[in-house]
Every structure is written in structure tokens, then in C-alpha cells.
Protein backbone atom coordinates (compact mmCIF):
# COMPACT_ATOMS: atom_id res chain seq x y z
CA MET A 1 15.47 -113.81 -57.85
CA SER A 2 13.16 -111.02 -57.05
CA ASN A 3 10.35 -110.86 -54.74
CA THR A 4 7.11 -108.81 -55.65
CA TYR A 5 4.59 -107.59 -53.22
CA MET A 6 1.37 -106.38 -53.38
CA ALA A 7 -0.48 -104.07 -51.04
CA THR A 8 -3.90 -105.05 -49.88
CA ASN A 9 -6.75 -103.29 -47.70
CA GLU A 10 -8.10 -105.18 -45.12
CA CYS A 11 -11.94 -104.74 -45.17
CA PRO A 12 -15.00 -105.89 -43.34
CA PRO A 13 -17.01 -108.67 -44.50
CA ALA A 14 -19.96 -107.61 -46.20
CA ALA A 15 -22.62 -108.62 -43.83
CA THR A 16 -20.86 -106.31 -41.20
CA ARG A 17 -21.24 -103.20 -43.33
CA THR A 18 -24.68 -101.25 -43.62
CA PRO A 19 -25.14 -100.91 -47.43
CA TYR A 20 -27.62 -97.68 -46.99
CA THR A 21 -27.82 -94.83 -45.36
CA ASN A 22 -31.24 -93.29 -43.83
CA LEU A 23 -30.99 -89.72 -44.35
CA GLY A 24 -34.57 -88.88 -43.35
CA SER A 25 -38.02 -90.71 -43.98
CA LEU A 26 -40.83 -90.44 -46.58
CA SER A 27 -44.54 -91.13 -45.72
CA GLU A 28 -46.26 -93.87 -47.73
CA GLU A 29 -48.27 -91.50 -49.82
CA THR A 30 -44.82 -89.41 -50.85
CA GLN A 31 -44.42 -89.29 -54.38
CA VAL A 32 -40.78 -88.78 -55.48
CA THR A 33 -40.04 -87.38 -58.86
CA ILE A 34 -37.19 -86.13 -61.07
CA ARG A 35 -37.69 -82.68 -59.77
CA ASP A 36 -36.83 -83.91 -56.47
CA THR A 37 -33.36 -85.05 -57.66
CA GLY A 38 -30.21 -82.68 -58.44
CA TRP A 39 -29.90 -83.50 -62.01
CA SER A 40 -29.43 -80.90 -64.42
CA GLU A 41 -31.60 -80.57 -67.55
CA GLU A 42 -28.30 -81.65 -69.52
CA ASP A 43 -27.86 -84.85 -67.47
CA GLN A 44 -31.51 -85.62 -67.89
CA GLU A 45 -31.32 -85.20 -71.50
CA ARG A 46 -27.81 -87.22 -71.31
CA MET A 47 -29.74 -90.10 -69.24
CA ARG A 48 -32.79 -90.11 -71.61
CA LEU A 49 -30.58 -90.66 -74.43
CA ALA A 50 -29.09 -93.63 -72.79
CA GLY A 51 -32.41 -95.04 -72.31
CA PHE A 52 -32.92 -94.14 -68.77
CA ASP A 53 -36.41 -93.14 -67.78
CA GLY A 54 -37.92 -91.14 -64.89
CA VAL A 55 -38.15 -94.34 -62.34
CA ASP A 56 -34.33 -94.93 -63.37
CA MET A 57 -33.45 -91.47 -62.58
CA VAL A 58 -34.67 -91.00 -59.33
CA MET A 59 -33.27 -94.50 -58.57
CA ALA A 60 -29.77 -93.55 -59.60
CA TRP A 61 -30.18 -90.33 -57.44
CA TYR A 62 -31.20 -92.12 -54.47
CA SER A 63 -28.97 -94.85 -54.62
């Protein structure tokens, strides 16, 4: 008879983890555009072809 063991990782519950890290703050009047992201022109074009719009690209960059 053989025994099979599986390695498991102990993780803290989701409620104790912080899902976001605040790297700075923006005023309410600040407008963020695609130019504020680090996507290259090739990345932007690839994302457009996949159906992303500008808002989706900004959200993907800052998520």
C-alpha cells in the first residue's frame, strides 16, 4: 500500500489580507488616461484588438 502526500501552503484568511496597496493619492479632479499607464503602443493595440477600451486599459494597469 502506498501513501500519497500533498504539499499545502497555509494562507491567512481573505478577510485579514489587504487587497490593495495605496501608493499615493489623487485629488477628485484628477483625470487618469491611457498616457498615465506604462502600456507600450504594441500592448495598447493588442488590447484594443481584444476588445479593451481606454477605461479597461487604465483599470488593468492600476489593478
